Amino acid sequence: MNDSRGQILTGLEPIVYDDSKILVLGSMPGAQSLKMSQYYAYEQNRFWRIMFKFANAEYSRDYDAKKELLRRNNIALWDAIGECEREDSSLDSKIRAAKANDIASFVKAHPSICFIITNGRTSEKYFVKYNPGLDHTYLPSTSPANASVKNVEQLWLSALNRMSSAASLPKGSPY
């Protein structure tokens, strides 16, 4: 059940397209995201605003528009954690008994993916622990809990632009 009071929480299905080149991994959706079945549903999270800025598009709150933006920009979205317990909070520090998603199998099933980004330290921690040998780029969390980091947007935009340019070159997936 997707109740944040210590019960088992199950993450969302990945958003992925045949031509996705960049996989962004969060840790585990927060309570609002699980309730709405939408990635980064909490408006204070900077993720979607950064994505729209990267795409040079006007921000929209419409979830279908957000998913279309990912599709047009060859970005897939999932989480490092597929299942966990988390009591009364959306904070990553409250995650317990986490079970990782099988990212290695996922990227093998989606050979167009060339780059993996971990969104924050918790995502990176579980990705590295359960996917040894897969390359990734760590970027600071877009969560409002990480608001003290002032250059998050700049770091994300720089990495996305670099990866997007490199992914347009003809080459096979490194995975």
Protein backbone atom coordinates (compact mmCIF):
# COMPACT_ATOMS: atom_id res chain seq x y z
CA MET A 1 0.00 0.00 0.00
CA ASN A 2 1.30 3.45 -0.78
CA ASP A 3 0.81 4.89 2.72
CA SER A 4 3.78 6.72 4.19
CA ARG A 5 3.21 5.51 7.78
CA GLY A 6 5.82 2.76 7.86
CA GLN A 7 4.12 0.46 5.41
CA ILE A 8 5.80 -0.86 2.31
CA LEU A 9 5.91 1.79 -0.39
CA THR A 10 6.20 0.79 -4.04
CA GLY A 11 7.72 3.21 -6.53
CA LEU A 12 6.37 4.35 -9.87
CA GLU A 13 6.80 2.68 -13.23
CA PRO A 14 9.64 4.12 -15.30
CA ILE A 15 9.04 6.70 -17.97
CA VAL A 16 11.10 5.53 -20.93
CA TYR A 17 10.93 5.79 -24.70
CA ASP A 18 12.55 3.83 -27.51
CA ASP A 19 15.04 6.63 -28.14
CA SER A 20 15.77 7.62 -24.53
CA LYS A 21 19.47 8.44 -24.20
CA ILE A 22 19.70 9.88 -20.68
CA LEU A 23 18.30 8.01 -17.66
CA VAL A 24 17.65 10.16 -14.59
CA LEU A 25 17.36 8.19 -11.36
CA GLY A 26 15.71 9.61 -8.29
CA SER A 27 15.82 7.82 -4.96
CA MET A 28 12.15 7.03 -4.17
CA PRO A 29 9.10 9.18 -4.91
CA GLY A 30 7.82 11.26 -2.02
CA ALA A 31 4.38 10.89 -0.48
CA GLN A 32 2.74 13.43 -2.82
CA SER A 33 4.30 11.84 -5.90
CA LEU A 34 3.09 8.39 -4.86
CA LYS A 35 -0.39 9.72 -4.09
CA MET A 36 -0.62 11.44 -7.49
CA SER A 37 1.34 8.71 -9.36
CA GLN A 38 3.58 11.43 -10.79
CA TYR A 39 7.31 11.88 -10.57
CA TYR A 40 8.37 15.04 -8.72
CA ALA A 41 4.77 16.07 -7.98
CA TYR A 42 5.82 18.34 -5.11
CA GLU A 43 5.89 21.81 -6.72
CA GLN A 44 8.87 22.95 -4.64
CA ASN A 45 11.12 20.31 -6.20
CA ARG A 46 13.30 21.92 -8.85
CA PHE A 47 13.40 18.91 -11.20
CA TRP A 48 10.67 19.87 -13.67
CA ARG A 49 11.66 23.53 -13.79
CA ILE A 50 15.21 22.49 -14.65
CA MET A 51 13.94 20.11 -17.35
CA PHE A 52 11.82 22.83 -18.96
CA LYS A 53 14.72 25.28 -18.84
CA PHE A 54 17.00 22.67 -20.43
CA ALA A 55 14.45 22.20 -23.22
CA ASN A 56 13.99 25.97 -23.68
CA ALA A 57 10.27 25.44 -23.10
CA GLU A 58 7.70 27.31 -21.06
CA TYR A 59 7.05 25.58 -17.74
CA SER A 60 3.82 23.62 -17.48
CA ARG A 61 2.25 21.91 -14.47
CA ASP A 62 0.49 19.44 -16.77
CA TYR A 63 1.97 15.98 -16.21
CA ASP A 64 1.36 14.85 -19.80
CA ALA A 65 3.27 17.93 -21.00
CA LYS A 66 6.11 17.02 -18.64
CA LYS A 67 6.28 13.47 -19.99
CA GLU A 68 6.18 14.77 -23.56
CA LEU A 69 9.08 17.09 -22.74
CA LEU A 70 11.08 14.05 -21.57
CA ARG A 71 10.20 12.18 -24.76
CA ARG A 72 11.22 15.08 -27.03
CA ASN A 73 14.53 15.38 -25.19
CA ASN A 74 15.35 11.65 -25.06
CA ILE A 75 15.21 11.47 -21.27
CA ALA A 76 14.01 8.49 -19.27
CA LEU A 77 13.03 8.71 -15.61
CA TRP A 78 13.00 6.10 -12.87
CA ASP A 79 14.24 5.52 -9.33
CA ALA A 80 17.14 3.64 -7.80
CA ILE A 81 14.78 2.26 -5.14
CA GLY A 82 11.74 0.21 -6.12
CA GLU A 83 10.33 -0.50 -2.69
CA CYS A 84 10.96 0.70 0.85
CA GLU A 85 9.52 1.72 4.18
CA ARG A 86 9.36 5.40 5.05
CA GLU A 87 7.49 6.76 8.06
CA ASP A 88 5.55 10.03 8.00
CA SER A 89 7.93 11.76 5.64
CA SER A 90 9.12 12.23 2.10
CA LEU A 91 12.70 12.65 3.29
CA ASP A 92 15.30 10.25 1.93
CA SER A 93 16.82 10.06 5.41
CA LYS A 94 13.66 8.25 6.56
CA ILE A 95 13.97 5.44 4.00
CA ARG A 96 14.30 1.98 5.55
CA ALA A 97 14.39 -1.59 4.19
CA ALA A 98 15.00 -0.40 0.64
CA LYS A 99 14.92 -2.78 -2.30
CA ALA A 100 16.67 -1.53 -5.41
CA ASN A 101 15.32 -1.46 -8.93
CA ASP A 102 17.30 -3.57 -11.39
CA ILE A 103 18.93 -0.74 -13.30
CA ALA A 104 21.47 -2.99 -15.06
CA SER A 105 18.71 -5.07 -16.67
CA PHE A 106 16.76 -1.91 -17.45
CA VAL A 107 19.57 -0.30 -19.44
CA LYS A 108 20.23 -3.59 -21.24
CA ALA A 109 16.57 -3.65 -22.24
CA HIS A 110 16.86 -0.03 -23.45
CA PRO A 111 20.11 0.01 -25.45
CA SER A 112 19.69 3.63 -26.57
CA ILE A 113 20.50 4.80 -23.02
CA CYS A 114 24.01 6.29 -23.03
CA PHE A 115 24.10 8.19 -19.73
CA ILE A 116 22.79 7.72 -16.21
CA ILE A 117 22.31 10.60 -13.77
CA THR A 118 21.70 10.03 -10.08
CA ASN A 119 19.58 12.80 -8.56
CA GLY A 120 21.11 13.22 -5.11
CA ARG A 121 23.21 11.16 -2.71
CA THR A 122 20.53 8.63 -1.76
CA SER A 123 19.90 7.75 -5.39
CA GLU A 124 23.64 7.45 -5.94
CA LYS A 125 24.10 5.31 -2.82
CA TYR A 126 21.57 2.69 -3.92
CA PHE A 127 22.57 2.84 -7.57
CA VAL A 128 26.25 2.20 -6.78
CA LYS A 129 25.49 -0.47 -4.19
CA TYR A 130 23.30 -2.57 -6.49
CA ASN A 131 24.79 -1.74 -9.90
CA PRO A 132 28.55 -2.08 -9.57
CA GLY A 133 30.42 -1.29 -12.72
CA LEU A 134 27.75 0.91 -14.32
CA ASP A 135 28.96 4.44 -14.99
CA HIS A 136 26.89 7.36 -13.82
CA THR A 137 27.02 11.06 -13.15
CA TYR A 138 26.10 12.31 -9.70
CA LEU A 139 24.16 15.57 -9.58
CA PRO A 140 22.94 17.29 -6.42
CA SER A 141 19.36 16.61 -5.42
CA THR A 142 16.64 18.82 -6.87
CA SER A 143 14.66 18.34 -3.66
CA PRO A 144 13.66 21.40 -1.63
CA ALA A 145 15.42 19.69 1.29
CA ASN A 146 18.61 20.50 -0.64
CA ALA A 147 17.74 24.19 -1.10
CA SER A 148 20.97 25.35 0.54
CA VAL A 149 22.92 24.22 -2.54
CA LYS A 150 22.66 27.26 -4.77
CA ASN A 151 24.15 26.04 -8.05
CA VAL A 152 21.95 22.97 -8.53
CA GLU A 153 20.28 24.34 -11.65
CA GLN A 154 23.59 25.33 -13.24
CA LEU A 155 25.13 21.91 -12.55
CA TRP A 156 22.12 20.08 -13.98
CA LEU A 157 21.90 22.24 -17.10
CA SER A 158 25.61 21.88 -17.78
CA ALA A 159 25.48 18.07 -17.45
CA LEU A 160 22.30 17.73 -19.52
CA ASN A 161 23.69 19.90 -22.30
CA ARG A 162 26.97 17.96 -22.35
CA MET A 163 25.20 14.58 -22.37
CA SER A 164 22.63 15.64 -24.92
CA SER A 165 25.37 16.80 -27.30
CA ALA A 166 27.41 13.64 -26.80
CA ALA A 167 24.36 11.38 -27.16
CA SER A 168 23.62 12.83 -30.60
CA LEU A 169 26.91 11.40 -31.90
CA PRO A 170 26.63 8.01 -33.59
CA LYS A 171 27.75 5.36 -31.13
CA GLY A 172 26.40 2.37 -29.29
CA SER A 173 25.30 2.25 -25.69
CA PRO A 174 28.17 1.84 -23.21
CA TYR A 175 25.95 -0.54 -21.23
